[in-house]
Protein backbone atom coordinates (compact mmCIF):
# COMPACT_ATOMS: atom_id res chain seq x y z
CA UNK A 1 0.00 0.00 0.00
CA UNK A 2 1.40 3.39 -1.01
CA UNK A 3 2.17 5.87 1.75
CA UNK A 4 -0.43 8.57 2.37
CA UNK A 5 0.81 11.98 1.25
CA UNK A 6 -1.52 14.16 3.31
CA UNK A 7 -2.66 14.17 6.93
CA UNK A 8 -6.26 12.96 7.28
CA UNK A 9 -7.03 15.73 9.78
CA UNK A 10 -5.39 18.95 8.62
CA UNK A 11 -5.02 17.89 4.98
CA UNK A 12 -1.48 19.24 4.76
CA UNK A 13 1.38 17.21 3.26
CA UNK A 14 2.99 14.90 5.81
CA UNK A 15 6.54 16.25 6.10
CA UNK A 16 7.47 14.51 9.33
CA UNK A 17 6.14 10.98 9.75
CA UNK A 18 4.57 10.37 13.16
CA UNK A 19 3.91 6.98 14.70
CA UNK A 20 0.25 6.71 15.55
CA UNK A 21 -0.89 3.72 17.58
CA UNK A 22 -3.91 1.92 16.13
CA UNK A 23 -4.83 1.10 19.75
CA UNK A 24 -3.48 3.69 22.17
CA UNK A 25 0.00 3.12 23.56
CA UNK A 26 -1.29 3.75 27.09
CA UNK A 27 -3.51 0.67 26.62
CA UNK A 28 -0.56 -1.47 25.57
CA UNK A 29 -1.28 -1.19 21.86
CA UNK A 30 1.68 -2.42 19.84
CA UNK A 31 0.24 -1.85 16.36
CA UNK A 32 1.60 1.38 14.87
CA UNK A 33 1.22 3.31 11.63
CA UNK A 34 3.12 6.26 10.17
CA UNK A 35 0.51 6.66 7.48
CA UNK A 36 -2.39 8.41 9.19
CA UNK A 37 -1.59 11.91 10.33
CA UNK A 38 1.16 14.49 10.66
CA UNK A 39 3.29 14.93 13.76
CA UNK A 40 1.53 18.15 14.83
CA UNK A 41 -2.01 16.73 14.65
CA UNK A 42 -0.91 13.52 16.34
CA UNK A 43 0.89 15.06 19.31
CA UNK A 44 -1.00 18.33 19.79
CA UNK A 45 -4.57 17.25 19.08
CA UNK A 46 -5.19 13.51 18.87
CA UNK A 47 -3.01 12.60 21.84
CA UNK A 48 -4.21 15.39 24.15
CA UNK A 49 -7.85 15.76 23.13
CA UNK A 50 -8.78 12.13 22.41
CA UNK A 51 -6.26 9.65 23.84
CA UNK A 52 -5.64 11.13 27.30
CA UNK A 53 -9.29 11.42 28.46
CA UNK A 54 -10.14 8.06 26.82
CA UNK A 55 -7.33 5.98 28.31
CA UNK A 56 -7.93 7.33 31.82
CA UNK A 57 -10.92 4.95 32.05
CA UNK A 58 -8.61 1.94 31.89
CA UNK A 59 -6.15 2.92 34.62
CA UNK A 60 -7.37 0.15 37.00
CA UNK A 61 -6.47 -2.51 34.44
CA UNK A 62 -3.23 -0.96 33.26
CA UNK A 63 -1.77 -0.82 36.77
CA UNK A 64 -2.51 -4.50 37.47
CA UNK A 65 -1.09 -6.29 34.42
CA UNK A 66 2.26 -7.96 34.98
CA UNK A 67 4.87 -7.02 32.36
CA UNK A 68 2.41 -4.67 30.67
CA UNK A 69 3.80 -3.92 27.21
CA UNK A 70 4.00 -0.35 25.98
CA UNK A 71 6.32 1.19 23.41
CA UNK A 72 7.05 4.20 25.66
CA UNK A 73 6.44 5.43 29.22
CA UNK A 74 6.85 1.81 30.28
CA UNK A 75 7.23 2.49 34.01
CA UNK A 76 4.42 5.00 34.46
CA UNK A 77 1.81 3.89 37.00
CA UNK A 78 -1.39 5.98 36.88
CA UNK A 79 -3.78 6.20 39.80
CA UNK A 80 -7.41 5.08 39.78
CA UNK A 81 -10.37 4.99 42.12
CA UNK A 82 -12.19 2.06 43.68
CA UNK A 83 -13.61 0.60 46.86
CA UNK A 84 -11.74 -1.12 49.67
CA UNK A 85 -12.41 -2.57 53.14
CA UNK A 86 -10.68 -1.32 56.27
CA UNK A 87 -11.76 -2.65 59.67
CA UNK A 88 -15.01 -4.08 58.22
CA UNK A 89 -16.07 -0.80 56.61
CA UNK A 90 -16.14 -0.04 52.87
CA UNK A 91 -14.50 3.19 51.68
CA UNK A 92 -13.96 5.06 48.44
CA UNK A 93 -10.21 5.01 47.85
CA UNK A 94 -7.47 6.00 45.43
CA UNK A 95 -5.31 3.12 44.23
CA UNK A 96 -1.88 3.03 42.65
CA UNK A 97 0.06 -0.05 41.60
CA UNK A 98 -2.43 -2.34 43.38
CA UNK A 99 -2.24 -0.50 46.72
CA UNK A 100 -4.49 2.04 48.43
CA UNK A 101 -2.61 5.35 48.58
CA UNK A 102 -5.42 7.69 49.65
CA UNK A 103 -8.77 7.60 51.43
CA UNK A 104 -10.25 11.03 52.26
CA UNK A 105 -12.77 9.62 54.76
CA UNK A 106 -10.14 7.94 56.91
CA UNK A 107 -7.56 10.69 56.48
CA UNK A 108 -9.88 13.15 58.22
CA UNK A 109 -10.32 10.81 61.17
CA UNK A 110 -6.90 9.24 61.70
CA UNK A 111 -4.53 11.79 60.16
CA UNK A 112 -1.97 9.11 59.26
CA UNK A 113 -0.15 7.63 56.28
CA UNK A 114 -2.93 5.78 54.46
CA UNK A 115 -0.46 3.64 52.50
CA UNK A 116 0.58 1.89 55.74
CA UNK A 117 -2.94 0.74 56.62
CA UNK A 118 -4.13 -2.76 55.79
CA UNK A 119 -6.80 -2.27 53.12
CA UNK A 120 -8.47 -5.05 51.14
CA UNK A 121 -9.36 -3.85 47.63
CA UNK A 122 -12.89 -4.88 46.66
CA UNK A 123 -13.39 -3.38 43.21
CA UNK A 124 -12.08 -0.82 40.75
CA UNK A 125 -14.12 1.98 39.21
CA UNK A 126 -14.39 2.33 35.43
CA UNK A 127 -15.68 5.90 34.94
CA UNK A 128 -16.94 6.11 31.36
CA UNK A 129 -17.50 9.64 30.11
CA UNK A 130 -19.69 9.19 27.04
CA UNK A 131 -18.19 11.69 24.57
CA UNK A 132 -14.51 11.00 25.22
CA UNK A 133 -15.11 7.25 25.48
CA UNK A 134 -16.98 7.09 22.17
CA UNK A 135 -14.30 9.25 20.55
CA UNK A 136 -11.60 6.84 21.67
CA UNK A 137 -13.44 3.71 20.48
CA UNK A 138 -14.19 5.31 17.11
CA UNK A 139 -10.61 6.46 16.67
CA UNK A 140 -9.39 2.88 17.07
CA UNK A 141 -11.85 1.62 14.43
CA UNK A 142 -10.97 4.54 12.12
CA UNK A 143 -7.22 3.92 12.51
CA UNK A 144 -7.57 0.20 11.84
CA UNK A 145 -9.58 0.81 8.67
CA UNK A 146 -7.04 3.33 7.35
CA UNK A 147 -4.13 1.03 8.14
CA UNK A 148 -5.88 -1.80 6.27
CA UNK A 149 -6.13 0.32 3.13
CA UNK A 150 -9.64 1.77 3.36
CA UNK A 151 -9.74 5.07 1.47
CA UNK A 152 -10.21 8.09 3.74
CA UNK A 153 -12.89 9.51 1.44
CA UNK A 154 -15.12 6.54 2.34
CA UNK A 155 -14.76 7.31 6.07
CA UNK A 156 -14.68 11.10 6.06
CA UNK A 157 -18.41 11.53 6.80
CA UNK A 158 -17.79 10.26 10.32
CA UNK A 159 -14.90 12.64 11.10
CA UNK A 160 -15.52 16.23 12.22
CA UNK A 161 -12.36 18.33 12.23
CA UNK A 162 -12.71 21.59 14.14
CA UNK A 163 -10.27 24.28 12.96
CA UNK A 164 -9.31 27.83 13.85
CA UNK A 165 -8.14 29.08 10.49
CA UNK A 166 -5.81 26.35 9.22
CA UNK A 167 -4.95 25.08 12.70
CA UNK A 168 -6.72 21.93 13.89
CA UNK A 169 -8.06 22.43 17.43
CA UNK A 170 -10.16 19.30 17.96
CA UNK A 171 -11.44 16.16 16.24
CA UNK A 172 -14.79 14.48 16.91
CA UNK A 173 -15.80 11.12 15.50
CA UNK A 174 -19.47 10.83 14.54
CA UNK A 175 -19.62 7.14 13.65
CA UNK A 176 -22.58 5.23 15.15
CA UNK A 177 -21.48 2.93 18.00
CA UNK A 178 -23.39 -0.16 19.15
CA UNK A 179 -22.43 -1.97 22.39
CA UNK A 180 -21.88 -5.71 21.99
CA UNK A 181 -23.99 -8.17 23.97
CA UNK A 182 -24.09 -11.96 23.61
CA UNK A 183 -27.05 -13.22 21.59
CA UNK A 184 -26.15 -16.89 21.16
CA UNK A 185 -24.94 -19.68 23.49
CA UNK A 186 -21.44 -19.87 21.98
CA UNK A 187 -20.71 -16.19 22.59
CA UNK A 188 -22.15 -16.44 26.09
CA UNK A 189 -19.89 -19.43 26.78
CA UNK A 190 -16.76 -17.71 25.38
CA UNK A 191 -17.36 -14.44 27.21
CA UNK A 192 -18.71 -15.59 30.57
CA UNK A 193 -17.81 -19.25 31.12
CA UNK A 194 -14.19 -19.58 30.01
CA UNK A 195 -10.99 -18.50 31.72
CA UNK A 196 -10.53 -14.72 31.74
CA UNK A 197 -7.76 -13.68 29.37
CA UNK A 198 -6.78 -10.09 28.63
CA UNK A 199 -6.44 -9.13 24.98
CA UNK A 200 -7.34 -6.50 22.42
CA UNK A 201 -9.31 -7.73 19.39
CA UNK A 202 -10.26 -5.88 16.21
CA UNK A 203 -12.39 -7.18 13.32
CA UNK A 204 -12.93 -5.04 10.24
CA UNK A 205 -15.66 -6.50 8.02
CA UNK A 206 -18.13 -5.58 5.31
CA UNK A 207 -21.80 -6.60 5.25
CA UNK A 208 -23.73 -5.57 2.19
CA UNK A 209 -23.51 -1.77 1.96
CA UNK A 210 -22.05 -1.45 5.47
CA UNK A 211 -18.47 -1.42 6.75
CA UNK A 212 -18.12 -2.33 10.43
CA UNK A 213 -15.32 -2.58 12.94
CA UNK A 214 -15.71 -4.69 16.07
CA UNK A 215 -13.54 -3.29 18.88
CA UNK A 216 -12.80 -5.36 21.99
CA UNK A 217 -10.46 -3.87 24.60
CA UNK A 218 -9.18 -5.96 27.50
CA UNK A 219 -11.76 -8.62 26.58
CA UNK A 220 -14.29 -6.42 28.42
CA UNK A 221 -15.12 -3.22 26.53
CA UNK A 222 -16.81 -4.43 23.32
CA UNK A 223 -18.42 -2.30 20.60
CA UNK A 224 -19.38 -2.22 16.93
CA UNK A 225 -18.51 0.93 15.00
CA UNK A 226 -20.35 1.61 11.73
CA UNK A 227 -17.68 3.22 9.54
CA UNK A 228 -19.76 3.49 6.37
CA UNK A 229 -23.29 2.75 5.16
CA UNK A 230 -22.39 3.47 1.54
CA UNK A 231 -20.02 0.55 1.04
CA UNK A 232 -19.68 -1.18 -2.33
CA UNK A 233 -21.35 -4.57 -1.75
CA UNK A 234 -18.95 -6.14 -4.28
CA UNK A 235 -15.91 -5.10 -2.21
CA UNK A 236 -15.58 -7.74 0.51
CA UNK A 237 -13.44 -6.84 3.52
CA UNK A 238 -12.27 -9.03 6.42
CA UNK A 239 -9.25 -8.03 8.53
CA UNK A 240 -8.51 -9.15 12.09
CA UNK A 241 -6.03 -8.24 14.81
CA UNK A 242 -5.54 -9.77 18.25
CA UNK A 243 -2.91 -8.91 20.83
CA UNK A 244 -2.38 -10.48 24.22
CA UNK A 245 -1.64 -8.19 27.16
CA UNK A 246 -0.46 -10.66 29.77
CA UNK A 247 3.06 -11.75 30.53
CA UNK A 248 4.32 -14.57 28.31
CA UNK A 249 5.99 -17.45 30.12
CA UNK A 250 9.41 -17.72 28.49
CA UNK A 251 10.69 -20.53 30.70
CA UNK A 252 12.68 -23.07 28.72
CA UNK A 253 11.08 -26.51 29.22
CA UNK A 254 12.86 -29.62 30.40
CA UNK A 255 12.85 -31.73 27.28
CA UNK A 256 11.66 -35.31 27.38
CA UNK A 257 12.84 -36.77 24.09
CA UNK A 258 13.11 -40.54 23.88
CA UNK A 259 11.51 -41.20 20.52
CA UNK A 260 11.22 -39.36 17.17
CA UNK A 261 7.54 -38.67 17.87
CA UNK A 262 8.54 -36.57 20.89
CA UNK A 263 10.49 -34.24 18.59
CA UNK A 264 7.45 -33.91 16.35
CA UNK A 265 5.23 -33.07 19.32
CA UNK A 266 7.58 -30.33 20.56
CA UNK A 267 8.01 -29.01 17.00
CA UNK A 268 4.26 -28.76 16.51
CA UNK A 269 3.67 -27.10 19.90
CA UNK A 270 6.40 -24.46 19.48
CA UNK A 271 5.95 -24.11 15.71
CA UNK A 272 9.55 -24.92 14.77
CA UNK A 273 11.17 -27.15 12.17
CA UNK A 274 12.04 -30.60 13.59
CA UNK A 275 15.55 -31.99 13.19
CA UNK A 276 17.47 -35.09 14.34
CA UNK A 277 20.27 -33.11 16.03
CA UNK A 278 18.86 -32.74 19.56
CA UNK A 279 21.06 -29.81 20.58
CA UNK A 280 20.14 -27.90 17.43
CA UNK A 281 16.47 -28.72 17.96
CA UNK A 282 16.58 -27.46 21.55
CA UNK A 283 18.14 -24.19 20.35
CA UNK A 284 15.31 -23.76 17.84
CA UNK A 285 12.71 -24.18 20.57
CA UNK A 286 14.52 -21.75 22.89
CA UNK A 287 14.69 -19.12 20.13
CA UNK A 288 10.98 -19.61 19.37
CA UNK A 289 10.08 -19.13 23.04
CA UNK A 290 12.15 -15.95 23.34
CA UNK A 291 10.71 -14.50 20.12
CA UNK A 292 7.07 -15.37 20.84
CA UNK A 293 4.99 -12.30 20.15
CA UNK A 294 2.00 -10.89 21.98
CA UNK A 295 0.38 -10.50 18.57
CA UNK A 296 -1.61 -13.66 17.88
CA UNK A 297 -3.85 -15.17 15.27
CA UNK A 298 -7.44 -14.52 16.39
CA UNK A 299 -8.55 -17.96 15.30
CA UNK A 300 -5.91 -19.67 17.48
CA UNK A 301 -6.82 -17.71 20.62
CA UNK A 302 -10.59 -18.12 20.34
CA UNK A 303 -10.36 -21.77 19.22
CA UNK A 304 -8.41 -22.58 22.38
CA UNK A 305 -11.42 -21.49 24.45
CA UNK A 306 -13.68 -24.19 23.04
CA UNK A 307 -13.98 -26.84 25.75
CA UNK A 308 -15.87 -30.06 26.29
CA UNK A 309 -18.15 -28.38 28.85
CA UNK A 310 -19.92 -26.22 26.27
CA UNK A 311 -22.93 -28.56 26.23
CA UNK A 312 -24.69 -28.87 29.59
CA UNK A 313 -25.61 -32.56 29.45
CA UNK A 314 -26.05 -32.81 33.24
CA UNK A 315 -29.29 -30.85 32.94
CA UNK A 316 -30.89 -33.75 31.07
CA UNK A 317 -30.61 -36.05 34.11
CA UNK A 318 -33.19 -34.10 36.12
CA UNK A 319 -35.69 -33.72 33.29
CA UNK A 320 -38.66 -35.90 32.45
CA UNK A 321 -38.56 -37.68 29.09
CA UNK A 322 -40.79 -35.17 27.25
CA UNK A 323 -39.02 -32.19 28.81
CA UNK A 324 -35.67 -33.69 27.87
CA UNK A 325 -36.83 -34.12 24.26
CA UNK A 326 -37.91 -30.49 24.08
CA UNK A 327 -34.65 -29.37 25.69
CA UNK A 328 -32.63 -31.31 23.10
CA UNK A 329 -34.73 -29.88 20.27
CA UNK A 330 -34.76 -26.26 21.39
CA UNK A 331 -32.00 -25.22 23.78
CA UNK A 332 -29.36 -27.73 22.71
CA UNK A 333 -30.36 -27.19 19.10
CA UNK A 334 -29.55 -23.50 19.56
CA UNK A 335 -26.22 -24.46 21.13
CA UNK A 336 -25.39 -26.76 18.23
CA UNK A 337 -26.31 -24.15 15.63
CA UNK A 338 -24.11 -21.61 17.41
CA UNK A 339 -21.21 -24.06 17.49
CA UNK A 340 -21.51 -24.79 13.78
CA UNK A 341 -21.76 -21.09 12.99
CA UNK A 342 -18.39 -20.28 14.53
CA UNK A 343 -16.34 -23.47 14.31
CA UNK A 344 -15.53 -25.95 11.54
CA UNK A 345 -15.42 -29.74 11.91
CA UNK A 346 -11.85 -29.51 13.26
CA UNK A 347 -12.95 -27.07 16.01
CA UNK A 348 -11.15 -24.22 14.27
CA UNK A 349 -12.73 -20.76 14.48
CA UNK A 350 -14.29 -19.43 11.29
CA UNK A 351 -12.92 -15.91 10.95
CA UNK A 352 -15.57 -15.14 8.34
CA UNK A 353 -18.48 -15.42 10.82
CA UNK A 354 -17.13 -14.74 14.31
CA UNK A 355 -18.81 -11.65 15.82
CA UNK A 356 -20.15 -10.67 12.41
CA UNK A 357 -23.32 -12.78 12.28
CA UNK A 358 -25.37 -14.76 14.77
CA UNK A 359 -27.99 -17.46 14.53
CA UNK A 360 -31.43 -16.85 16.03
CA UNK A 361 -33.04 -19.02 18.69
CA UNK A 362 -36.13 -19.54 16.52
CA UNK A 363 -34.31 -21.59 13.92
CA UNK A 364 -31.34 -21.75 11.56
CA UNK A 365 -31.63 -18.13 10.42
CA UNK A 366 -28.31 -16.25 10.37
CA UNK A 367 -28.46 -12.46 10.69
CA UNK A 368 -26.14 -9.46 11.07
CA UNK A 369 -24.90 -9.33 14.67
CA UNK A 370 -24.65 -5.53 15.04
CA UNK A 371 -27.94 -4.89 13.27
CA UNK A 372 -29.79 -7.42 15.43
CA UNK A 373 -28.37 -5.89 18.63
CA UNK A 374 -29.36 -2.42 17.42
CA UNK A 375 -32.88 -3.61 16.62
CA UNK A 376 -33.33 -5.30 20.01
CA UNK A 377 -32.02 -2.25 21.87
CA UNK A 378 -34.45 0.03 20.03
CA UNK A 379 -37.30 -2.35 20.94
CA UNK A 380 -36.08 -2.43 24.56
CA UNK A 381 -35.91 -6.24 24.20
CA UNK A 382 -32.45 -6.75 25.77
CA UNK A 383 -30.67 -5.32 28.79
CA UNK A 384 -27.12 -4.42 27.80
CA UNK A 385 -26.38 -3.23 31.33
CA UNK A 386 -26.75 -6.78 32.66
CA UNK A 387 -24.10 -8.14 30.27
CA UNK A 388 -21.81 -5.17 30.96
CA UNK A 389 -22.13 -5.77 34.70
CA UNK A 390 -21.16 -9.43 34.25
CA UNK A 391 -18.08 -8.47 32.24
CA UNK A 392 -17.04 -5.92 34.87
CA UNK A 393 -17.49 -8.61 37.54
CA UNK A 394 -15.08 -10.82 35.67
CA UNK A 395 -12.40 -8.21 35.18
CA UNK A 396 -12.67 -7.02 38.78
CA UNK A 397 -12.23 -10.62 39.95
CA UNK A 398 -9.25 -11.00 37.60
CA UNK A 399 -7.63 -7.82 38.90
CA UNK A 400 -8.22 -9.03 42.47
CA UNK A 401 -6.11 -12.10 41.68
CA UNK A 402 -8.71 -14.73 40.87
CA UNK A 403 -7.47 -16.71 37.88
CA UNK A 404 -10.66 -18.38 36.75
CA UNK A 405 -14.13 -17.09 37.46
CA UNK A 406 -17.34 -18.90 36.62
CA UNK A 407 -20.33 -16.73 37.27
CA UNK A 408 -23.68 -18.40 37.83
CA UNK A 409 -26.34 -17.44 35.34
CA UNK A 410 -28.99 -15.32 37.02
CA UNK A 411 -31.44 -15.79 34.17
């Protein structure tokens, strides 16, 4: 793809190339582009007016991830707010690096160093300010589309550049945003019943005359952004990006190699070329472990979540024969349709359908995921707040040090 000559915001020729993160650097985004905007617009407008207020929401997560990867300001530890227990009472507190550093209520009473008190952190706050939050989500979708070669003229309707003369003072994104909520059993299983894993996930896809971008930050903040409703239906687009945010275990394993098949097993697991020379083979594995990237194939990450406990067969035991038959026909039929929609016969994720379409509970009909959510929200037929609350429960539990959380269904 040829380099862009002009900044998408001010329109001036790009003299000095500026690295713009597709997902903000403060959120651990590793994906960069020098092909979006000029240095002045990037550092004086986009960074200050969009990125700073947007990324502040995620401070509770950022401060708790071991070996959090950023391309700059690697040691900065922002503060955040939350709730904590001290002597059986719950207080509003300020937290930094996993520790309570301030509590106005107690400070007035005890007049002591709060950091030395034994607090138990209960939960972190995620203050979402609508305008800045939407701006940040849209900017990520916009950046990803540009980086994947989408012409700016097809996206420009959703970008409002506010200028004073020729100087850009602010940028507002006007793209419609639809919150994601699970509408089929497979998505519900992946999002609420599997081990919590922190990652960023982007899916750019076309559907008829619409161009969408699915944005998932920290496997918690999930939205569809409608980038265009005048898309050429003949121009099919599907681009994905997934990046892990947790520390990679780079421990070199103790090799157990007694037979040639053992070499093949190690080679397959670490994705290296097998060879008969054991010392050379061990070096290849060690190099692969040290070079393993946080950037992953979306299909590999999501496919690994598919477990044998997806179907709830235990429920059949307590049902009468006729009830069991209806359960198999309806509920388990919905589960099976959802499984087939997302995974092939080898249990490999289908990138072409994941989070783009969903099957309906009434039958085998497959419909647009974002459009169905939008329709149900307008009809007041689903409660997005319930799903959002469940996701926040999971991330709060994760940040509190619980590795695997299985939340009971309240439905």
